[in-house]
Amino acid sequence: MNYKEKYLPEFIYGGIDGIVTTFAIVAGVVGAGLSPGIILILGFSNVLADGFSMASSNFLASRAEQRLGGDDSKKPLKTASVTFVSFVLLGLAPLVSFVFEMAFGWFQGQQFLVSCILTSVAFVVIGFIKGGITGQNRIRASFETLLVGGIAALVSYFVGAFLHNLA
């Protein structure tokens, strides 16, 4: 088993969770009608704190698995690192349009639409990579990942819209 195959689950899990949780914040805040500044504060806090939390949990779970006589070929620090990097890098996708709007004035009024597009692209990229490594049809793997991630994103948007009056 090569490095790509060995750490693929951490890449997929970290990346999808990073995208979904960050987009959930974006969609929830937009759905609730709150300011883009709140999206950036909550989004960056989430990406770093939740990424570290997932990496820490991954590290401890990998060590526990090794102690129970499980997979000794994976290194807990490497699994945690792949999870963290995947979570952070891919989890930034939903925030890019808001950062560019704040820094350069780009995408003004269209940040959420651009965020949806970048989030979709990030899901497709994960699926494409997964399909290539596992031998699955890349188009099907991309669509599958986009569909699952998109459902989670829609749930978060509608929860924010439903709870809009609480803000």
C-alpha atoms as a PDB file:
ATOM      1  CA  MET A   1       0.000   0.000   0.000  1.00  0.00           C
ATOM      2  CA  ASN A   2       1.511   3.338  -1.021  1.00  0.00           C
ATOM      3  CA  TYR A   3       1.409   6.619   0.887  1.00  0.00           C
ATOM      4  CA  LYS A   4      -1.583   7.948  -1.087  1.00  0.00           C
ATOM      5  CA  GLU A   5      -3.668   4.865  -0.397  1.00  0.00           C
ATOM      6  CA  LYS A   6      -2.590   4.632   3.220  1.00  0.00           C
ATOM      7  CA  TYR A   7      -3.639   8.175   4.138  1.00  0.00           C
ATOM      8  CA  LEU A   8      -6.572   8.590   1.732  1.00  0.00           C
ATOM      9  CA  PRO A   9      -9.214   8.133   4.462  1.00  0.00           C
ATOM     10  CA  GLU A  10      -7.696  10.959   6.521  1.00  0.00           C
ATOM     11  CA  PHE A  11      -7.547  13.220   3.455  1.00  0.00           C
ATOM     12  CA  ILE A  12     -11.176  12.531   2.529  1.00  0.00           C
ATOM     13  CA  TYR A  13     -12.539  12.718   6.064  1.00  0.00           C
ATOM     14  CA  GLY A  14     -10.602  15.848   6.969  1.00  0.00           C
ATOM     15  CA  GLY A  15     -11.297  17.606   3.683  1.00  0.00           C
ATOM     16  CA  ILE A  16     -15.012  16.904   3.523  1.00  0.00           C
ATOM     17  CA  ASP A  17     -15.515  17.770   7.172  1.00  0.00           C
ATOM     18  CA  GLY A  18     -13.518  20.979   6.731  1.00  0.00           C
ATOM     19  CA  ILE A  19     -15.616  22.041   3.763  1.00  0.00           C
ATOM     20  CA  VAL A  20     -18.949  21.053   5.294  1.00  0.00           C
ATOM     21  CA  THR A  21     -18.405  22.625   8.700  1.00  0.00           C
ATOM     22  CA  THR A  22     -17.024  25.846   7.258  1.00  0.00           C
ATOM     23  CA  PHE A  23     -19.744  26.070   4.640  1.00  0.00           C
ATOM     24  CA  ALA A  24     -22.293  25.342   7.360  1.00  0.00           C
ATOM     25  CA  ILE A  25     -21.122  28.488   9.108  1.00  0.00           C
ATOM     26  CA  VAL A  26     -21.210  30.503   5.882  1.00  0.00           C
ATOM     27  CA  ALA A  27     -24.642  29.207   4.884  1.00  0.00           C
ATOM     28  CA  GLY A  28     -26.059  29.523   8.387  1.00  0.00           C
ATOM     29  CA  VAL A  29     -24.847  33.114   8.775  1.00  0.00           C
ATOM     30  CA  VAL A  30     -26.077  34.070   5.288  1.00  0.00           C
ATOM     31  CA  GLY A  31     -29.378  32.310   5.942  1.00  0.00           C
ATOM     32  CA  ALA A  32     -29.743  34.226   9.186  1.00  0.00           C
ATOM     33  CA  GLY A  33     -28.958  37.518   7.426  1.00  0.00           C
ATOM     34  CA  LEU A  34     -25.888  38.349   9.536  1.00  0.00           C
ATOM     35  CA  SER A  35     -22.854  40.334   8.366  1.00  0.00           C
ATOM     36  CA  PRO A  36     -19.977  38.940   6.276  1.00  0.00           C
ATOM     37  CA  GLY A  37     -17.578  39.908   9.087  1.00  0.00           C
ATOM     38  CA  ILE A  38     -19.247  37.324  11.297  1.00  0.00           C
ATOM     39  CA  ILE A  39     -18.691  34.723   8.585  1.00  0.00           C
ATOM     40  CA  LEU A  40     -14.955  35.432   8.614  1.00  0.00           C
ATOM     41  CA  ILE A  41     -14.655  35.422  12.404  1.00  0.00           C
ATOM     42  CA  LEU A  42     -16.591  32.194  12.839  1.00  0.00           C
ATOM     43  CA  GLY A  43     -15.182  30.612   9.683  1.00  0.00           C
ATOM     44  CA  PHE A  44     -11.516  31.090  10.537  1.00  0.00           C
ATOM     45  CA  SER A  45     -12.118  30.133  14.165  1.00  0.00           C
ATOM     46  CA  ASN A  46     -13.798  26.949  12.961  1.00  0.00           C
ATOM     47  CA  VAL A  47     -11.153  26.046  10.401  1.00  0.00           C
ATOM     48  CA  LEU A  48      -8.304  26.282  12.871  1.00  0.00           C
ATOM     49  CA  ALA A  49      -9.962  25.047  16.068  1.00  0.00           C
ATOM     50  CA  ASP A  50     -11.995  22.250  14.520  1.00  0.00           C
ATOM     51  CA  GLY A  51      -9.079  21.223  12.300  1.00  0.00           C
ATOM     52  CA  PHE A  52      -6.864  20.935  15.352  1.00  0.00           C
ATOM     53  CA  SER A  53      -9.582  19.085  17.246  1.00  0.00           C
ATOM     54  CA  MET A  54      -9.999  16.564  14.442  1.00  0.00           C
ATOM     55  CA  ALA A  55      -6.238  16.094  14.128  1.00  0.00           C
ATOM     56  CA  SER A  56      -5.903  15.579  17.884  1.00  0.00           C
ATOM     57  CA  SER A  57      -8.736  13.060  17.904  1.00  0.00           C
ATOM     58  CA  ASN A  58      -7.220  11.291  14.911  1.00  0.00           C
ATOM     59  CA  PHE A  59      -3.825  11.129  16.635  1.00  0.00           C
ATOM     60  CA  LEU A  60      -5.268   9.684  19.851  1.00  0.00           C
ATOM     61  CA  ALA A  61      -7.497   7.206  17.995  1.00  0.00           C
ATOM     62  CA  SER A  62      -4.565   6.019  15.855  1.00  0.00           C
ATOM     63  CA  ARG A  63      -2.410   5.496  18.941  1.00  0.00           C
ATOM     64  CA  ALA A  64      -5.194   3.581  20.657  1.00  0.00           C
ATOM     65  CA  GLU A  65      -5.662   1.398  17.559  1.00  0.00           C
ATOM     66  CA  GLN A  66      -1.925   0.614  17.502  1.00  0.00           C
ATOM     67  CA  ARG A  67      -1.948  -0.291  21.198  1.00  0.00           C
ATOM     68  CA  LEU A  68      -4.808  -2.686  20.560  1.00  0.00           C
ATOM     69  CA  GLY A  69      -2.700  -4.459  17.949  1.00  0.00           C
ATOM     70  CA  GLY A  70      -4.267  -2.726  14.955  1.00  0.00           C
ATOM     71  CA  ASP A  71      -2.598  -1.071  11.971  1.00  0.00           C
ATOM     72  CA  ASP A  72       1.076  -0.442  12.759  1.00  0.00           C
ATOM     73  CA  SER A  73       1.863   0.813   9.271  1.00  0.00           C
ATOM     74  CA  LYS A  74       0.243   4.205   9.847  1.00  0.00           C
ATOM     75  CA  LYS A  75       2.040   6.747  11.964  1.00  0.00           C
ATOM     76  CA  PRO A  76      -0.347   8.615  14.309  1.00  0.00           C
ATOM     77  CA  LEU A  77       1.414  11.943  13.776  1.00  0.00           C
ATOM     78  CA  LYS A  78       1.165  11.546   9.998  1.00  0.00           C
ATOM     79  CA  THR A  79      -2.523  10.615  10.100  1.00  0.00           C
ATOM     80  CA  ALA A  80      -3.203  13.621  12.319  1.00  0.00           C
ATOM     81  CA  SER A  81      -1.181  15.896  10.042  1.00  0.00           C
ATOM     82  CA  VAL A  82      -2.986  14.749   6.891  1.00  0.00           C
ATOM     83  CA  THR A  83      -6.337  15.279   8.620  1.00  0.00           C
ATOM     84  CA  PHE A  84      -5.365  18.779   9.788  1.00  0.00           C
ATOM     85  CA  VAL A  85      -3.885  19.961   6.491  1.00  0.00           C
ATOM     86  CA  SER A  86      -6.786  18.556   4.478  1.00  0.00           C
ATOM     87  CA  PHE A  87      -9.338  20.085   6.851  1.00  0.00           C
ATOM     88  CA  VAL A  88      -7.716  23.530   6.834  1.00  0.00           C
ATOM     89  CA  LEU A  89      -6.845  23.808   3.146  1.00  0.00           C
ATOM     90  CA  LEU A  90     -10.138  22.524   1.807  1.00  0.00           C
ATOM     91  CA  GLY A  91     -12.102  24.129   4.633  1.00  0.00           C
ATOM     92  CA  LEU A  92     -10.908  27.551   3.468  1.00  0.00           C
ATOM     93  CA  ALA A  93     -12.737  27.211   0.135  1.00  0.00           C
ATOM     94  CA  PRO A  94     -16.082  28.546   1.425  1.00  0.00           C
ATOM     95  CA  LEU A  95     -14.342  31.609   2.925  1.00  0.00           C
ATOM     96  CA  VAL A  96     -12.272  32.731  -0.063  1.00  0.00           C
ATOM     97  CA  SER A  97     -14.930  34.971  -1.623  1.00  0.00           C
ATOM     98  CA  PHE A  98     -15.552  36.745   1.691  1.00  0.00           C
ATOM     99  CA  VAL A  99     -11.821  37.324   2.213  1.00  0.00           C
ATOM    100  CA  PHE A 100     -11.438  38.717  -1.319  1.00  0.00           C
ATOM    101  CA  GLU A 101     -14.473  40.944  -0.893  1.00  0.00           C
ATOM    102  CA  MET A 102     -13.155  42.362   2.352  1.00  0.00           C
ATOM    103  CA  ALA A 103      -9.570  42.767   1.096  1.00  0.00           C
ATOM    104  CA  PHE A 104     -10.125  43.867  -2.514  1.00  0.00           C
ATOM    105  CA  GLY A 105     -13.832  44.588  -2.920  1.00  0.00           C
ATOM    106  CA  TRP A 106     -14.255  41.618  -5.276  1.00  0.00           C
ATOM    107  CA  PHE A 107     -17.490  39.647  -5.489  1.00  0.00           C
ATOM    108  CA  GLN A 108     -19.432  42.367  -3.657  1.00  0.00           C
ATOM    109  CA  GLY A 109     -22.967  41.137  -3.210  1.00  0.00           C
ATOM    110  CA  GLN A 110     -22.031  37.806  -4.789  1.00  0.00           C
ATOM    111  CA  GLN A 111     -19.860  36.333  -2.029  1.00  0.00           C
ATOM    112  CA  PHE A 112     -22.340  33.609  -1.138  1.00  0.00           C
ATOM    113  CA  LEU A 113     -22.813  32.541  -4.767  1.00  0.00           C
ATOM    114  CA  VAL A 114     -19.027  32.389  -5.264  1.00  0.00           C
ATOM    115  CA  SER A 115     -18.708  30.522  -1.946  1.00  0.00           C
ATOM    116  CA  CYS A 116     -21.248  27.948  -3.174  1.00  0.00           C
ATOM    117  CA  ILE A 117     -19.295  27.514  -6.413  1.00  0.00           C
ATOM    118  CA  LEU A 118     -15.923  27.158  -4.646  1.00  0.00           C
ATOM    119  CA  THR A 119     -17.431  24.751  -2.123  1.00  0.00           C
ATOM    120  CA  SER A 120     -18.820  22.636  -4.967  1.00  0.00           C
ATOM    121  CA  VAL A 121     -15.462  22.669  -6.740  1.00  0.00           C
ATOM    122  CA  ALA A 122     -13.717  21.557  -3.533  1.00  0.00           C
ATOM    123  CA  PHE A 123     -16.149  18.624  -3.172  1.00  0.00           C
ATOM    124  CA  VAL A 124     -15.576  17.646  -6.801  1.00  0.00           C
ATOM    125  CA  VAL A 125     -11.785  17.803  -6.337  1.00  0.00           C
ATOM    126  CA  ILE A 126     -11.944  15.478  -3.324  1.00  0.00           C
ATOM    127  CA  GLY A 127     -14.142  13.051  -5.227  1.00  0.00           C
ATOM    128  CA  PHE A 128     -11.883  13.205  -8.279  1.00  0.00           C
ATOM    129  CA  ILE A 129      -8.791  12.455  -6.205  1.00  0.00           C
ATOM    130  CA  LYS A 130     -10.597   9.685  -4.335  1.00  0.00           C
ATOM    131  CA  GLY A 131     -11.767   8.131  -7.591  1.00  0.00           C
ATOM    132  CA  GLY A 132      -8.280   8.214  -9.066  1.00  0.00           C
ATOM    133  CA  ILE A 133      -6.655   6.557  -6.078  1.00  0.00           C
ATOM    134  CA  THR A 134      -9.340   3.923  -5.512  1.00  0.00           C
ATOM    135  CA  GLY A 135      -9.881   3.103  -9.181  1.00  0.00           C
ATOM    136  CA  GLN A 136     -13.493   4.268  -9.029  1.00  0.00           C
ATOM    137  CA  ASN A 137     -14.849   6.251 -11.974  1.00  0.00           C
ATOM    138  CA  ARG A 138     -13.651   9.821 -11.233  1.00  0.00           C
ATOM    139  CA  ILE A 139     -16.833  11.462 -12.516  1.00  0.00           C
ATOM    140  CA  ARG A 140     -19.019   9.206 -10.382  1.00  0.00           C
ATOM    141  CA  ALA A 141     -16.791   9.714  -7.321  1.00  0.00           C
ATOM    142  CA  SER A 142     -16.864  13.484  -7.864  1.00  0.00           C
ATOM    143  CA  PHE A 143     -20.652  13.530  -8.199  1.00  0.00           C
ATOM    144  CA  GLU A 144     -21.092  11.291  -5.145  1.00  0.00           C
ATOM    145  CA  THR A 145     -18.930  13.582  -3.001  1.00  0.00           C
ATOM    146  CA  LEU A 146     -20.668  16.695  -4.335  1.00  0.00           C
ATOM    147  CA  LEU A 147     -24.094  15.200  -3.622  1.00  0.00           C
ATOM    148  CA  VAL A 148     -23.313  14.140  -0.050  1.00  0.00           C
ATOM    149  CA  GLY A 149     -21.550  17.405   0.768  1.00  0.00           C
ATOM    150  CA  GLY A 150     -24.248  19.453  -0.954  1.00  0.00           C
ATOM    151  CA  ILE A 151     -26.983  17.890   1.158  1.00  0.00           C
ATOM    152  CA  ALA A 152     -25.100  18.815   4.333  1.00  0.00           C
ATOM    153  CA  ALA A 153     -24.626  22.362   3.017  1.00  0.00           C
ATOM    154  CA  LEU A 154     -28.337  22.729   2.200  1.00  0.00           C
ATOM    155  CA  VAL A 155     -29.309  21.566   5.676  1.00  0.00           C
ATOM    156  CA  SER A 156     -27.114  24.234   7.267  1.00  0.00           C
ATOM    157  CA  TYR A 157     -28.492  26.996   5.028  1.00  0.00           C
ATOM    158  CA  PHE A 158     -32.104  26.132   5.807  1.00  0.00           C
ATOM    159  CA  VAL A 159     -31.409  25.889   9.544  1.00  0.00           C
ATOM    160  CA  GLY A 160     -29.917  29.407   9.403  1.00  0.00           C
ATOM    161  CA  ALA A 161     -32.867  30.698   7.394  1.00  0.00           C
ATOM    162  CA  PHE A 162     -35.331  29.041   9.759  1.00  0.00           C
ATOM    163  CA  LEU A 163     -33.609  30.509  12.839  1.00  0.00           C
ATOM    164  CA  HIS A 164     -33.158  33.937  11.202  1.00  0.00           C
ATOM    165  CA  ASN A 165     -35.463  35.660  13.673  1.00  0.00           C
ATOM    166  CA  LEU A 166     -33.292  34.683  16.653  1.00  0.00           C
ATOM    167  CA  ALA A 167     -30.469  37.029  15.548  1.00  0.00           C
END
